[in-house]
């Protein structure tokens, strides 16, 4: 009896401690839903960008949604209806699903060092938009990009040289940043990263009549954005 009483008192103390520790905090909002054809079709390109902005705001503020990924896997097994396609760098700090706080079935994601658009990537975007119904194409660059730094320094290294050469036009675009034109000049690197995003957006429009026409018809938007690896914030600058 004495042992039971001691256990009961201990349980009350633990319960009170847990209650105090959680007081004033809010449990994460749960989201187990996924897009279907109807909800995807009802979304406008502006809605799609706004959803990404809202997701990034949650990510930055530490209020990302709590998702039931098992349920989302089951719900998307028979088909997928993502609302956006994101071309991002391969950088481990800039995963689009995380920084935009999206779940399974929400995004088509293409990743390559330097987030530039090859014909294969543009073809994949055409599938994502024209065939699968995505409403926005986002070219997502980021600060402190190693590929951009390599382009600023004109690095030559095996097959990486191909990537560096693809980014060189963006280096040439930046002519108004004072100081040395190398990776040691942080403002220069950031300006090149932004120029690369803008150049890639223009490249997608010029090399894909399909997406160009869809954008002109208001069916999609093609936008550029930059992710800050120090703050987690995404800034859109073509919208």
C-alpha atoms as a PDB file:
ATOM      1  CA  UNK A   1       0.000   0.000   0.000  1.00  0.00           C
ATOM      2  CA  UNK A   2       2.839   2.329   0.910  1.00  0.00           C
ATOM      3  CA  UNK A   3       4.612   1.568  -2.375  1.00  0.00           C
ATOM      4  CA  UNK A   4       1.428   2.243  -4.337  1.00  0.00           C
ATOM      5  CA  UNK A   5       0.995   5.584  -2.558  1.00  0.00           C
ATOM      6  CA  UNK A   6       4.571   6.567  -3.392  1.00  0.00           C
ATOM      7  CA  UNK A   7       3.979   5.653  -7.063  1.00  0.00           C
ATOM      8  CA  UNK A   8       0.771   7.673  -7.166  1.00  0.00           C
ATOM      9  CA  UNK A   9       2.511  10.743  -5.751  1.00  0.00           C
ATOM     10  CA  UNK A  10       5.354  10.322  -8.234  1.00  0.00           C
ATOM     11  CA  UNK A  11       2.871  10.085 -11.131  1.00  0.00           C
ATOM     12  CA  UNK A  12       1.148  13.284 -10.027  1.00  0.00           C
ATOM     13  CA  UNK A  13       4.482  15.125  -9.805  1.00  0.00           C
ATOM     14  CA  UNK A  14       5.543  13.952 -13.267  1.00  0.00           C
ATOM     15  CA  UNK A  15       2.171  14.898 -14.733  1.00  0.00           C
ATOM     16  CA  UNK A  16       2.376  18.350 -13.205  1.00  0.00           C
ATOM     17  CA  UNK A  17       5.923  18.846 -14.485  1.00  0.00           C
ATOM     18  CA  UNK A  18       4.928  17.882 -18.016  1.00  0.00           C
ATOM     19  CA  UNK A  19       1.927  20.190 -17.828  1.00  0.00           C
ATOM     20  CA  UNK A  20       4.081  23.108 -16.730  1.00  0.00           C
ATOM     21  CA  UNK A  21       6.663  22.402 -19.417  1.00  0.00           C
ATOM     22  CA  UNK A  22       4.026  22.439 -22.140  1.00  0.00           C
ATOM     23  CA  UNK A  23       2.071  25.394 -20.781  1.00  0.00           C
ATOM     24  CA  UNK A  24       2.098  28.312 -23.166  1.00  0.00           C
ATOM     25  CA  UNK A  25       3.160  26.228 -26.179  1.00  0.00           C
ATOM     26  CA  UNK A  26       0.917  25.252 -29.059  1.00  0.00           C
ATOM     27  CA  UNK A  27       0.971  21.774 -30.591  1.00  0.00           C
ATOM     28  CA  UNK A  28       1.889  21.741 -34.274  1.00  0.00           C
ATOM     29  CA  UNK A  29      -1.018  22.056 -36.672  1.00  0.00           C
ATOM     30  CA  UNK A  30      -1.676  18.776 -38.417  1.00  0.00           C
ATOM     31  CA  UNK A  31      -2.098  18.396 -42.171  1.00  0.00           C
ATOM     32  CA  UNK A  32      -2.724  14.998 -43.721  1.00  0.00           C
ATOM     33  CA  UNK A  33      -4.410  16.247 -46.894  1.00  0.00           C
ATOM     34  CA  UNK A  34      -3.088  16.027 -50.430  1.00  0.00           C
ATOM     35  CA  UNK A  35      -4.007  17.687 -53.710  1.00  0.00           C
ATOM     36  CA  UNK A  36      -6.435  15.938 -56.030  1.00  0.00           C
ATOM     37  CA  UNK A  37      -7.319  16.947 -59.578  1.00  0.00           C
ATOM     38  CA  UNK A  38     -10.184  19.174 -58.462  1.00  0.00           C
ATOM     39  CA  UNK A  39      -8.199  21.135 -55.880  1.00  0.00           C
ATOM     40  CA  UNK A  40      -5.220  21.463 -58.217  1.00  0.00           C
ATOM     41  CA  UNK A  41      -7.399  22.742 -61.065  1.00  0.00           C
ATOM     42  CA  UNK A  42      -9.104  25.276 -58.796  1.00  0.00           C
ATOM     43  CA  UNK A  43      -5.763  26.829 -57.798  1.00  0.00           C
ATOM     44  CA  UNK A  44      -4.528  29.876 -59.713  1.00  0.00           C
ATOM     45  CA  UNK A  45      -0.834  30.642 -60.333  1.00  0.00           C
ATOM     46  CA  UNK A  46      -1.052  33.446 -57.763  1.00  0.00           C
ATOM     47  CA  UNK A  47      -2.603  31.021 -55.271  1.00  0.00           C
ATOM     48  CA  UNK A  48       0.315  28.676 -55.865  1.00  0.00           C
ATOM     49  CA  UNK A  49       2.934  31.333 -55.146  1.00  0.00           C
ATOM     50  CA  UNK A  50       1.017  32.486 -52.077  1.00  0.00           C
ATOM     51  CA  UNK A  51       0.960  28.919 -50.775  1.00  0.00           C
ATOM     52  CA  UNK A  52       4.743  28.724 -51.131  1.00  0.00           C
ATOM     53  CA  UNK A  53       5.183  32.099 -49.406  1.00  0.00           C
ATOM     54  CA  UNK A  54       2.941  31.015 -46.517  1.00  0.00           C
ATOM     55  CA  UNK A  55       4.828  27.744 -46.193  1.00  0.00           C
ATOM     56  CA  UNK A  56       8.165  29.519 -46.059  1.00  0.00           C
ATOM     57  CA  UNK A  57       6.825  31.898 -43.413  1.00  0.00           C
ATOM     58  CA  UNK A  58       5.867  28.875 -41.284  1.00  0.00           C
ATOM     59  CA  UNK A  59       9.304  27.348 -41.831  1.00  0.00           C
ATOM     60  CA  UNK A  60      11.097  30.528 -40.772  1.00  0.00           C
ATOM     61  CA  UNK A  61       8.901  30.994 -37.693  1.00  0.00           C
ATOM     62  CA  UNK A  62       9.268  27.376 -36.562  1.00  0.00           C
ATOM     63  CA  UNK A  63       5.596  26.539 -37.070  1.00  0.00           C
ATOM     64  CA  UNK A  64       5.849  24.038 -39.917  1.00  0.00           C
ATOM     65  CA  UNK A  65       2.819  21.781 -40.191  1.00  0.00           C
ATOM     66  CA  UNK A  66       2.841  18.338 -38.635  1.00  0.00           C
ATOM     67  CA  UNK A  67       2.118  15.915 -41.460  1.00  0.00           C
ATOM     68  CA  UNK A  68       0.946  12.322 -41.486  1.00  0.00           C
ATOM     69  CA  UNK A  69       3.330  11.150 -44.205  1.00  0.00           C
ATOM     70  CA  UNK A  70       2.048   7.577 -44.104  1.00  0.00           C
ATOM     71  CA  UNK A  71      -1.458   8.816 -44.910  1.00  0.00           C
ATOM     72  CA  UNK A  72      -0.086  11.056 -47.658  1.00  0.00           C
ATOM     73  CA  UNK A  73       1.797   8.139 -49.200  1.00  0.00           C
ATOM     74  CA  UNK A  74      -1.414   6.129 -49.281  1.00  0.00           C
ATOM     75  CA  UNK A  75      -3.461   9.049 -50.610  1.00  0.00           C
ATOM     76  CA  UNK A  76      -1.055   9.712 -53.502  1.00  0.00           C
ATOM     77  CA  UNK A  77      -0.404   6.083 -54.446  1.00  0.00           C
ATOM     78  CA  UNK A  78      -2.963   6.146 -57.258  1.00  0.00           C
ATOM     79  CA  UNK A  79      -1.954   9.540 -58.698  1.00  0.00           C
ATOM     80  CA  UNK A  80      -0.242  12.875 -58.058  1.00  0.00           C
ATOM     81  CA  UNK A  81      -1.372  16.471 -58.596  1.00  0.00           C
ATOM     82  CA  UNK A  82       1.465  18.795 -57.463  1.00  0.00           C
ATOM     83  CA  UNK A  83       0.718  22.510 -57.591  1.00  0.00           C
ATOM     84  CA  UNK A  84       4.300  23.706 -58.211  1.00  0.00           C
ATOM     85  CA  UNK A  85       7.584  22.705 -59.817  1.00  0.00           C
ATOM     86  CA  UNK A  86      10.811  23.937 -58.226  1.00  0.00           C
ATOM     87  CA  UNK A  87      14.245  23.971 -59.849  1.00  0.00           C
ATOM     88  CA  UNK A  88      16.710  24.178 -56.966  1.00  0.00           C
ATOM     89  CA  UNK A  89      20.397  23.737 -56.319  1.00  0.00           C
ATOM     90  CA  UNK A  90      21.588  20.414 -54.898  1.00  0.00           C
ATOM     91  CA  UNK A  91      22.804  22.247 -51.758  1.00  0.00           C
ATOM     92  CA  UNK A  92      21.917  20.221 -48.661  1.00  0.00           C
ATOM     93  CA  UNK A  93      20.608  23.321 -46.861  1.00  0.00           C
ATOM     94  CA  UNK A  94      17.928  24.253 -49.388  1.00  0.00           C
ATOM     95  CA  UNK A  95      15.489  21.350 -49.725  1.00  0.00           C
ATOM     96  CA  UNK A  96      12.324  22.844 -51.305  1.00  0.00           C
ATOM     97  CA  UNK A  97       9.914  20.526 -49.503  1.00  0.00           C
ATOM     98  CA  UNK A  98      11.308  21.735 -46.178  1.00  0.00           C
ATOM     99  CA  UNK A  99      11.871  25.441 -46.830  1.00  0.00           C
ATOM    100  CA  UNK A 100       8.389  25.774 -48.367  1.00  0.00           C
ATOM    101  CA  UNK A 101       6.828  23.459 -45.747  1.00  0.00           C
ATOM    102  CA  UNK A 102       5.055  21.199 -48.228  1.00  0.00           C
ATOM    103  CA  UNK A 103       4.121  17.542 -48.073  1.00  0.00           C
ATOM    104  CA  UNK A 104       4.189  14.449 -50.247  1.00  0.00           C
ATOM    105  CA  UNK A 105       2.527  15.065 -53.601  1.00  0.00           C
ATOM    106  CA  UNK A 106       2.741  18.874 -53.396  1.00  0.00           C
ATOM    107  CA  UNK A 107       5.876  19.676 -55.413  1.00  0.00           C
ATOM    108  CA  UNK A 108       7.778  18.492 -58.460  1.00  0.00           C
ATOM    109  CA  UNK A 109      11.425  19.104 -57.523  1.00  0.00           C
ATOM    110  CA  UNK A 110      14.377  19.268 -59.925  1.00  0.00           C
ATOM    111  CA  UNK A 111      17.828  19.709 -58.391  1.00  0.00           C
ATOM    112  CA  UNK A 112      21.228  20.370 -59.941  1.00  0.00           C
ATOM    113  CA  UNK A 113      24.273  22.303 -58.727  1.00  0.00           C
ATOM    114  CA  UNK A 114      23.754  25.934 -59.713  1.00  0.00           C
ATOM    115  CA  UNK A 115      20.009  25.521 -60.425  1.00  0.00           C
ATOM    116  CA  UNK A 116      20.384  26.044 -64.180  1.00  0.00           C
ATOM    117  CA  UNK A 117      18.041  24.617 -66.812  1.00  0.00           C
ATOM    118  CA  UNK A 118      19.233  21.953 -69.246  1.00  0.00           C
ATOM    119  CA  UNK A 119      16.996  20.669 -72.063  1.00  0.00           C
ATOM    120  CA  UNK A 120      16.135  17.627 -69.945  1.00  0.00           C
ATOM    121  CA  UNK A 121      15.109  19.830 -67.039  1.00  0.00           C
ATOM    122  CA  UNK A 122      13.009  22.088 -69.261  1.00  0.00           C
ATOM    123  CA  UNK A 123      11.335  19.016 -70.738  1.00  0.00           C
ATOM    124  CA  UNK A 124      10.555  17.812 -67.231  1.00  0.00           C
ATOM    125  CA  UNK A 125       9.024  21.207 -66.439  1.00  0.00           C
ATOM    126  CA  UNK A 126       6.847  20.944 -69.539  1.00  0.00           C
ATOM    127  CA  UNK A 127       5.573  17.613 -68.273  1.00  0.00           C
ATOM    128  CA  UNK A 128       4.954  19.064 -64.820  1.00  0.00           C
ATOM    129  CA  UNK A 129       2.931  21.998 -66.162  1.00  0.00           C
ATOM    130  CA  UNK A 130       1.300  20.971 -69.451  1.00  0.00           C
ATOM    131  CA  UNK A 131       0.624  17.342 -68.597  1.00  0.00           C
ATOM    132  CA  UNK A 132       0.374  17.233 -64.806  1.00  0.00           C
ATOM    133  CA  UNK A 133      -1.128  20.668 -64.161  1.00  0.00           C
ATOM    134  CA  UNK A 134       1.386  22.449 -61.920  1.00  0.00           C
ATOM    135  CA  UNK A 135       0.571  26.160 -61.654  1.00  0.00           C
ATOM    136  CA  UNK A 136       3.944  27.755 -60.982  1.00  0.00           C
ATOM    137  CA  UNK A 137       7.578  27.153 -61.955  1.00  0.00           C
ATOM    138  CA  UNK A 138      10.072  28.444 -59.397  1.00  0.00           C
ATOM    139  CA  UNK A 139      13.804  28.803 -60.035  1.00  0.00           C
ATOM    140  CA  UNK A 140      15.244  28.780 -56.520  1.00  0.00           C
ATOM    141  CA  UNK A 141      18.787  30.033 -56.038  1.00  0.00           C
ATOM    142  CA  UNK A 142      20.456  30.474 -52.663  1.00  0.00           C
ATOM    143  CA  UNK A 143      23.120  32.445 -50.859  1.00  0.00           C
ATOM    144  CA  UNK A 144      26.611  31.007 -50.353  1.00  0.00           C
ATOM    145  CA  UNK A 145      26.211  28.785 -53.423  1.00  0.00           C
ATOM    146  CA  UNK A 146      29.297  26.641 -53.997  1.00  0.00           C
ATOM    147  CA  UNK A 147      28.603  26.267 -57.707  1.00  0.00           C
ATOM    148  CA  UNK A 148      28.303  30.024 -58.134  1.00  0.00           C
ATOM    149  CA  UNK A 149      31.525  30.526 -56.187  1.00  0.00           C
ATOM    150  CA  UNK A 150      33.195  28.020 -58.479  1.00  0.00           C
ATOM    151  CA  UNK A 151      31.977  29.970 -61.505  1.00  0.00           C
ATOM    152  CA  UNK A 152      33.288  33.218 -60.017  1.00  0.00           C
ATOM    153  CA  UNK A 153      36.701  31.543 -59.652  1.00  0.00           C
ATOM    154  CA  UNK A 154      36.455  29.744 -63.020  1.00  0.00           C
ATOM    155  CA  UNK A 155      37.140  26.364 -61.397  1.00  0.00           C
ATOM    156  CA  UNK A 156      38.125  23.480 -63.659  1.00  0.00           C
ATOM    157  CA  UNK A 157      37.413  20.046 -62.145  1.00  0.00           C
ATOM    158  CA  UNK A 158      36.327  16.998 -64.133  1.00  0.00           C
ATOM    159  CA  UNK A 159      32.660  16.986 -65.092  1.00  0.00           C
ATOM    160  CA  UNK A 160      32.048  19.880 -62.716  1.00  0.00           C
ATOM    161  CA  UNK A 161      33.606  22.067 -65.398  1.00  0.00           C
ATOM    162  CA  UNK A 162      30.397  21.680 -67.409  1.00  0.00           C
ATOM    163  CA  UNK A 163      28.406  23.167 -64.519  1.00  0.00           C
ATOM    164  CA  UNK A 164      30.863  26.036 -64.120  1.00  0.00           C
ATOM    165  CA  UNK A 165      30.682  26.845 -67.827  1.00  0.00           C
ATOM    166  CA  UNK A 166      26.878  26.903 -67.669  1.00  0.00           C
ATOM    167  CA  UNK A 167      27.027  29.544 -64.936  1.00  0.00           C
ATOM    168  CA  UNK A 168      29.675  31.726 -66.562  1.00  0.00           C
ATOM    169  CA  UNK A 169      27.150  33.921 -68.451  1.00  0.00           C
ATOM    170  CA  UNK A 170      25.713  35.012 -65.091  1.00  0.00           C
ATOM    171  CA  UNK A 171      29.211  35.980 -63.934  1.00  0.00           C
ATOM    172  CA  UNK A 172      29.598  38.093 -67.065  1.00  0.00           C
ATOM    173  CA  UNK A 173      26.211  39.728 -66.445  1.00  0.00           C
ATOM    174  CA  UNK A 174      27.400  41.299 -63.189  1.00  0.00           C
ATOM    175  CA  UNK A 175      29.478  44.382 -63.943  1.00  0.00           C
ATOM    176  CA  UNK A 176      28.448  46.896 -61.286  1.00  0.00           C
ATOM    177  CA  UNK A 177      29.705  45.286 -58.050  1.00  0.00           C
ATOM    178  CA  UNK A 178      32.941  46.855 -56.789  1.00  0.00           C
ATOM    179  CA  UNK A 179      35.889  44.764 -55.670  1.00  0.00           C
ATOM    180  CA  UNK A 180      37.508  41.628 -56.993  1.00  0.00           C
ATOM    181  CA  UNK A 181      35.481  39.304 -59.194  1.00  0.00           C
ATOM    182  CA  UNK A 182      36.118  36.150 -57.148  1.00  0.00           C
ATOM    183  CA  UNK A 183      34.398  34.074 -54.479  1.00  0.00           C
ATOM    184  CA  UNK A 184      36.143  36.183 -51.833  1.00  0.00           C
ATOM    185  CA  UNK A 185      33.821  39.072 -52.695  1.00  0.00           C
ATOM    186  CA  UNK A 186      30.529  38.114 -51.009  1.00  0.00           C
ATOM    187  CA  UNK A 187      28.354  40.847 -52.620  1.00  0.00           C
ATOM    188  CA  UNK A 188      29.698  39.794 -56.016  1.00  0.00           C
ATOM    189  CA  UNK A 189      28.851  36.134 -55.371  1.00  0.00           C
ATOM    190  CA  UNK A 190      25.307  37.015 -54.291  1.00  0.00           C
ATOM    191  CA  UNK A 191      24.818  39.259 -57.334  1.00  0.00           C
ATOM    192  CA  UNK A 192      25.952  36.431 -59.614  1.00  0.00           C
ATOM    193  CA  UNK A 193      23.576  33.996 -57.885  1.00  0.00           C
ATOM    194  CA  UNK A 194      20.658  36.371 -58.482  1.00  0.00           C
ATOM    195  CA  UNK A 195      21.746  36.986 -62.077  1.00  0.00           C
ATOM    196  CA  UNK A 196      21.881  33.233 -62.610  1.00  0.00           C
ATOM    197  CA  UNK A 197      18.306  32.829 -61.372  1.00  0.00           C
ATOM    198  CA  UNK A 198      17.057  35.641 -63.611  1.00  0.00           C
ATOM    199  CA  UNK A 199      18.958  34.245 -66.580  1.00  0.00           C
ATOM    200  CA  UNK A 200      17.510  30.781 -65.956  1.00  0.00           C
ATOM    201  CA  UNK A 201      13.958  32.152 -65.776  1.00  0.00           C
ATOM    202  CA  UNK A 202      14.505  33.926 -69.108  1.00  0.00           C
ATOM    203  CA  UNK A 203      16.058  30.768 -70.557  1.00  0.00           C
ATOM    204  CA  UNK A 204      13.012  28.696 -69.620  1.00  0.00           C
ATOM    205  CA  UNK A 205      10.696  31.192 -71.293  1.00  0.00           C
ATOM    206  CA  UNK A 206      12.767  31.400 -74.472  1.00  0.00           C
ATOM    207  CA  UNK A 207      13.507  27.678 -74.822  1.00  0.00           C
ATOM    208  CA  UNK A 208      10.027  26.390 -74.031  1.00  0.00           C
ATOM    209  CA  UNK A 209       7.299  27.695 -76.327  1.00  0.00           C
ATOM    210  CA  UNK A 210       4.935  25.451 -74.373  1.00  0.00           C
ATOM    211  CA  UNK A 211       5.524  27.159 -71.030  1.00  0.00           C
ATOM    212  CA  UNK A 212       5.875  30.593 -72.647  1.00  0.00           C
ATOM    213  CA  UNK A 213       2.412  30.244 -74.173  1.00  0.00           C
ATOM    214  CA  UNK A 214       0.956  28.877 -70.933  1.00  0.00           C
ATOM    215  CA  UNK A 215       2.327  31.842 -69.020  1.00  0.00           C
ATOM    216  CA  UNK A 216       0.998  34.303 -71.594  1.00  0.00           C
ATOM    217  CA  UNK A 217      -2.415  32.658 -71.250  1.00  0.00           C
ATOM    218  CA  UNK A 218      -2.331  33.035 -67.456  1.00  0.00           C
ATOM    219  CA  UNK A 219      -2.218  29.284 -66.863  1.00  0.00           C
ATOM    220  CA  UNK A 220       1.138  29.308 -65.065  1.00  0.00           C
ATOM    221  CA  UNK A 221       3.736  31.689 -63.670  1.00  0.00           C
ATOM    222  CA  UNK A 222       7.502  31.336 -64.031  1.00  0.00           C
ATOM    223  CA  UNK A 223       9.265  33.096 -61.160  1.00  0.00           C
ATOM    224  CA  UNK A 224      12.689  33.421 -59.592  1.00  0.00           C
ATOM    225  CA  UNK A 225      13.523  33.335 -55.904  1.00  0.00           C
ATOM    226  CA  UNK A 226      16.487  33.323 -53.539  1.00  0.00           C
ATOM    227  CA  UNK A 227      16.840  31.287 -50.354  1.00  0.00           C
ATOM    228  CA  UNK A 228      18.971  32.709 -47.545  1.00  0.00           C
ATOM    229  CA  UNK A 229      20.869  29.833 -45.902  1.00  0.00           C
ATOM    230  CA  UNK A 230      21.458  31.974 -42.788  1.00  0.00           C
ATOM    231  CA  UNK A 231      17.809  32.869 -42.096  1.00  0.00           C
ATOM    232  CA  UNK A 232      15.717  30.298 -43.985  1.00  0.00           C
ATOM    233  CA  UNK A 233      13.849  33.101 -45.769  1.00  0.00           C
ATOM    234  CA  UNK A 234      12.863  32.840 -49.435  1.00  0.00           C
ATOM    235  CA  UNK A 235      12.552  36.103 -51.365  1.00  0.00           C
ATOM    236  CA  UNK A 236      10.641  36.093 -54.647  1.00  0.00           C
ATOM    237  CA  UNK A 237      11.727  38.724 -57.136  1.00  0.00           C
ATOM    238  CA  UNK A 238       9.894  37.915 -60.380  1.00  0.00           C
ATOM    239  CA  UNK A 239       6.390  38.091 -58.959  1.00  0.00           C
END
